[in-house]
Amino acid sequence: MTGSTDHEAAFAKAFLPSEKRARFIQILAQPRRRKEMLVQLNGHLSYLRAYAMEVPGEQDFPDALVTLLRAKGAGPTCYVIVDGLKADGRELPLREALMLICMHRSGAILSCLPGRLAYYKPESPAPGILLERPSP
């Protein structure tokens, strides 16, 4: 597995309902069909609510999100899954990734710790969602 498929598969297995996982992983892995799945990030991503917390409005900005994610164990970089930006499929510094996606109207996922910590930003103006699973 490459770094990208590690993050994408770990995200799907940890945070998506079982009936959505295989399709998410399969389509993201196909460059010609990837856009099809990325567009779905704009609407409502079906995530497991048991591991989700809506980020309060005052914390749903890049600087506050960096602090929040770092407090939960995020490192200096994250993996980006985003519709409409060249950053899709790349690992970027956490602050840079948050600046990009917070200023972008489309949906995005930042995988901070594969299968353990992620941030989902639906299409604006919906609030961001912190996705977190305890470490095994």
C-alpha atoms as a PDB file:
ATOM      1  CA  MET A   1       0.000   0.000   0.000  1.00  0.00           C
ATOM      2  CA  THR A   2       1.187   3.501  -0.724  1.00  0.00           C
ATOM      3  CA  GLY A   3       0.856   6.358   1.743  1.00  0.00           C
ATOM      4  CA  SER A   4      -2.259   7.636  -0.014  1.00  0.00           C
ATOM      5  CA  THR A   5      -4.059   4.308   0.028  1.00  0.00           C
ATOM      6  CA  ASP A   6      -2.990   3.816   3.662  1.00  0.00           C
ATOM      7  CA  HIS A   7      -4.733   7.051   4.640  1.00  0.00           C
ATOM      8  CA  GLU A   8      -7.761   6.569   2.389  1.00  0.00           C
ATOM      9  CA  ALA A   9      -8.383   2.944   3.400  1.00  0.00           C
ATOM     10  CA  ALA A  10      -7.774   3.666   7.097  1.00  0.00           C
ATOM     11  CA  PHE A  11     -10.199   6.614   6.949  1.00  0.00           C
ATOM     12  CA  ALA A  12     -12.890   4.502   5.282  1.00  0.00           C
ATOM     13  CA  LYS A  13     -12.472   1.560   7.681  1.00  0.00           C
ATOM     14  CA  ALA A  14     -12.516   3.767  10.783  1.00  0.00           C
ATOM     15  CA  PHE A  15     -15.137   6.373   9.957  1.00  0.00           C
ATOM     16  CA  LEU A  16     -17.501   5.177   7.187  1.00  0.00           C
ATOM     17  CA  PRO A  17     -20.414   2.741   7.486  1.00  0.00           C
ATOM     18  CA  SER A  18     -19.443  -0.765   6.347  1.00  0.00           C
ATOM     19  CA  GLU A  19     -21.639  -0.617   3.232  1.00  0.00           C
ATOM     20  CA  LYS A  20     -19.818   2.536   1.997  1.00  0.00           C
ATOM     21  CA  ARG A  21     -16.187   1.562   2.663  1.00  0.00           C
ATOM     22  CA  ALA A  22     -15.279  -0.625  -0.320  1.00  0.00           C
ATOM     23  CA  ARG A  23     -16.778   1.783  -2.862  1.00  0.00           C
ATOM     24  CA  PHE A  24     -15.033   4.794  -1.276  1.00  0.00           C
ATOM     25  CA  ILE A  25     -11.635   3.058  -1.371  1.00  0.00           C
ATOM     26  CA  GLN A  26     -12.138   1.569  -4.846  1.00  0.00           C
ATOM     27  CA  ILE A  27     -13.253   4.783  -6.539  1.00  0.00           C
ATOM     28  CA  LEU A  28     -10.594   6.986  -4.925  1.00  0.00           C
ATOM     29  CA  ALA A  29      -7.955   4.546  -6.173  1.00  0.00           C
ATOM     30  CA  GLN A  30      -9.064   5.007  -9.794  1.00  0.00           C
ATOM     31  CA  PRO A  31      -7.708   8.297 -11.174  1.00  0.00           C
ATOM     32  CA  ARG A  32     -10.409   8.496 -13.862  1.00  0.00           C
ATOM     33  CA  ARG A  33     -13.241   8.061 -11.331  1.00  0.00           C
ATOM     34  CA  ARG A  34     -11.740   9.834  -8.311  1.00  0.00           C
ATOM     35  CA  LYS A  35     -13.579  13.100  -9.077  1.00  0.00           C
ATOM     36  CA  GLU A  36     -16.878  11.205  -8.768  1.00  0.00           C
ATOM     37  CA  MET A  37     -16.159  10.452  -5.107  1.00  0.00           C
ATOM     38  CA  LEU A  38     -14.610  13.858  -4.365  1.00  0.00           C
ATOM     39  CA  VAL A  39     -17.812  15.603  -5.477  1.00  0.00           C
ATOM     40  CA  GLN A  40     -19.697  13.594  -2.837  1.00  0.00           C
ATOM     41  CA  LEU A  41     -17.637  15.317  -0.130  1.00  0.00           C
ATOM     42  CA  ASN A  42     -19.536  18.514  -0.975  1.00  0.00           C
ATOM     43  CA  GLY A  43     -22.854  17.131   0.181  1.00  0.00           C
ATOM     44  CA  HIS A  44     -23.214  14.851   3.130  1.00  0.00           C
ATOM     45  CA  LEU A  45     -20.540  12.256   3.707  1.00  0.00           C
ATOM     46  CA  SER A  46     -22.040   9.247   5.509  1.00  0.00           C
ATOM     47  CA  TYR A  47     -19.734   8.957   8.508  1.00  0.00           C
ATOM     48  CA  LEU A  48     -20.157   7.010  11.729  1.00  0.00           C
ATOM     49  CA  ARG A  49     -21.702   9.486  14.153  1.00  0.00           C
ATOM     50  CA  ALA A  50     -20.351   7.597  17.177  1.00  0.00           C
ATOM     51  CA  TYR A  51     -16.874   8.908  16.292  1.00  0.00           C
ATOM     52  CA  ALA A  52     -17.897  12.394  15.182  1.00  0.00           C
ATOM     53  CA  MET A  53     -18.098  15.752  16.896  1.00  0.00           C
ATOM     54  CA  GLU A  54     -19.230  18.985  15.269  1.00  0.00           C
ATOM     55  CA  VAL A  55     -16.535  21.608  15.680  1.00  0.00           C
ATOM     56  CA  PRO A  56     -17.950  24.678  17.479  1.00  0.00           C
ATOM     57  CA  GLY A  57     -18.076  27.756  15.223  1.00  0.00           C
ATOM     58  CA  GLU A  58     -15.413  29.665  17.169  1.00  0.00           C
ATOM     59  CA  GLN A  59     -12.974  26.746  16.712  1.00  0.00           C
ATOM     60  CA  ASP A  60     -13.744  26.057  13.035  1.00  0.00           C
ATOM     61  CA  PHE A  61     -10.921  28.268  11.713  1.00  0.00           C
ATOM     62  CA  PRO A  62      -7.357  27.267  10.731  1.00  0.00           C
ATOM     63  CA  ASP A  63      -5.437  28.442  13.819  1.00  0.00           C
ATOM     64  CA  ALA A  64      -7.953  27.030  16.296  1.00  0.00           C
ATOM     65  CA  LEU A  65      -8.189  23.783  14.313  1.00  0.00           C
ATOM     66  CA  VAL A  66      -4.403  23.351  14.345  1.00  0.00           C
ATOM     67  CA  THR A  67      -4.484  23.696  18.140  1.00  0.00           C
ATOM     68  CA  LEU A  68      -7.439  21.299  18.464  1.00  0.00           C
ATOM     69  CA  LEU A  69      -5.964  18.643  16.147  1.00  0.00           C
ATOM     70  CA  ARG A  70      -2.498  18.879  17.705  1.00  0.00           C
ATOM     71  CA  ALA A  71      -4.040  18.460  21.181  1.00  0.00           C
ATOM     72  CA  LYS A  72      -5.615  15.236  19.893  1.00  0.00           C
ATOM     73  CA  GLY A  73      -2.280  13.907  18.629  1.00  0.00           C
ATOM     74  CA  ALA A  74      -1.984  15.230  15.061  1.00  0.00           C
ATOM     75  CA  GLY A  75       1.553  15.595  13.782  1.00  0.00           C
ATOM     76  CA  PRO A  76       3.017  18.350  11.607  1.00  0.00           C
ATOM     77  CA  THR A  77       1.493  16.979   8.369  1.00  0.00           C
ATOM     78  CA  CYS A  78      -1.792  15.506   7.169  1.00  0.00           C
ATOM     79  CA  TYR A  79      -3.107  13.744   4.076  1.00  0.00           C
ATOM     80  CA  VAL A  80      -5.587  15.758   1.982  1.00  0.00           C
ATOM     81  CA  ILE A  81      -8.662  14.454   0.154  1.00  0.00           C
ATOM     82  CA  VAL A  82     -10.392  17.420  -1.489  1.00  0.00           C
ATOM     83  CA  ASP A  83     -12.577  18.304  -4.439  1.00  0.00           C
ATOM     84  CA  GLY A  84     -11.241  20.962  -6.778  1.00  0.00           C
ATOM     85  CA  LEU A  85      -7.716  21.586  -5.469  1.00  0.00           C
ATOM     86  CA  LYS A  86      -4.313  20.322  -6.606  1.00  0.00           C
ATOM     87  CA  ALA A  87      -3.640  19.394  -2.980  1.00  0.00           C
ATOM     88  CA  ASP A  88      -5.878  16.325  -3.359  1.00  0.00           C
ATOM     89  CA  GLY A  89      -3.994  13.113  -2.685  1.00  0.00           C
ATOM     90  CA  ARG A  90      -0.990  14.872  -1.161  1.00  0.00           C
ATOM     91  CA  GLU A  91       0.523  15.125   2.274  1.00  0.00           C
ATOM     92  CA  LEU A  92       0.883  18.749   3.388  1.00  0.00           C
ATOM     93  CA  PRO A  93       1.855  20.634   6.528  1.00  0.00           C
ATOM     94  CA  LEU A  94      -1.227  20.691   8.777  1.00  0.00           C
ATOM     95  CA  ARG A  95      -1.530  24.485   8.956  1.00  0.00           C
ATOM     96  CA  GLU A  96      -1.132  24.857   5.172  1.00  0.00           C
ATOM     97  CA  ALA A  97      -3.772  22.185   4.513  1.00  0.00           C
ATOM     98  CA  LEU A  98      -6.221  23.832   6.911  1.00  0.00           C
ATOM     99  CA  MET A  99      -5.675  27.255   5.320  1.00  0.00           C
ATOM    100  CA  LEU A 100      -6.379  25.745   1.889  1.00  0.00           C
ATOM    101  CA  ILE A 101      -9.529  23.870   2.766  1.00  0.00           C
ATOM    102  CA  CYS A 102     -11.016  26.504   5.066  1.00  0.00           C
ATOM    103  CA  MET A 103     -10.785  29.087   2.273  1.00  0.00           C
ATOM    104  CA  HIS A 104     -12.142  26.606  -0.296  1.00  0.00           C
ATOM    105  CA  ARG A 105     -15.904  26.210  -0.592  1.00  0.00           C
ATOM    106  CA  SER A 106     -15.856  22.503  -1.524  1.00  0.00           C
ATOM    107  CA  GLY A 107     -15.751  19.492   0.769  1.00  0.00           C
ATOM    108  CA  ALA A 108     -12.505  18.029   2.124  1.00  0.00           C
ATOM    109  CA  ILE A 109     -11.054  15.435   4.467  1.00  0.00           C
ATOM    110  CA  LEU A 110      -7.765  15.822   6.312  1.00  0.00           C
ATOM    111  CA  SER A 111      -6.419  12.527   7.618  1.00  0.00           C
ATOM    112  CA  CYS A 112      -4.134  13.395  10.521  1.00  0.00           C
ATOM    113  CA  LEU A 113      -3.582   9.957  12.063  1.00  0.00           C
ATOM    114  CA  PRO A 114      -4.644   7.137   9.708  1.00  0.00           C
ATOM    115  CA  GLY A 115      -7.774   5.501  11.087  1.00  0.00           C
ATOM    116  CA  ARG A 116      -7.642   7.508  14.310  1.00  0.00           C
ATOM    117  CA  LEU A 117      -8.005  11.250  13.689  1.00  0.00           C
ATOM    118  CA  ALA A 118      -9.464  13.209  10.782  1.00  0.00           C
ATOM    119  CA  TYR A 119     -11.217  16.478  10.040  1.00  0.00           C
ATOM    120  CA  TYR A 120     -14.109  16.579   7.556  1.00  0.00           C
ATOM    121  CA  LYS A 121     -15.133  19.934   6.118  1.00  0.00           C
ATOM    122  CA  PRO A 122     -18.417  19.714   4.213  1.00  0.00           C
ATOM    123  CA  GLU A 123     -19.183  22.267   1.530  1.00  0.00           C
ATOM    124  CA  SER A 124     -19.459  25.757   3.053  1.00  0.00           C
ATOM    125  CA  PRO A 125     -21.180  27.016   5.155  1.00  0.00           C
ATOM    126  CA  ALA A 126     -21.714  23.711   7.025  1.00  0.00           C
ATOM    127  CA  PRO A 127     -19.650  23.264  10.206  1.00  0.00           C
ATOM    128  CA  GLY A 128     -16.575  21.026  10.259  1.00  0.00           C
ATOM    129  CA  ILE A 129     -16.620  17.580  11.825  1.00  0.00           C
ATOM    130  CA  LEU A 130     -13.855  16.123  13.980  1.00  0.00           C
ATOM    131  CA  LEU A 131     -13.629  12.343  13.520  1.00  0.00           C
ATOM    132  CA  GLU A 132     -11.735  10.500  16.231  1.00  0.00           C
ATOM    133  CA  ARG A 133     -11.316   6.884  17.293  1.00  0.00           C
ATOM    134  CA  PRO A 134      -9.413   5.918  20.414  1.00  0.00           C
ATOM    135  CA  SER A 135      -6.069   4.231  19.829  1.00  0.00           C
ATOM    136  CA  PRO A 136      -6.181   0.446  20.151  1.00  0.00           C
END
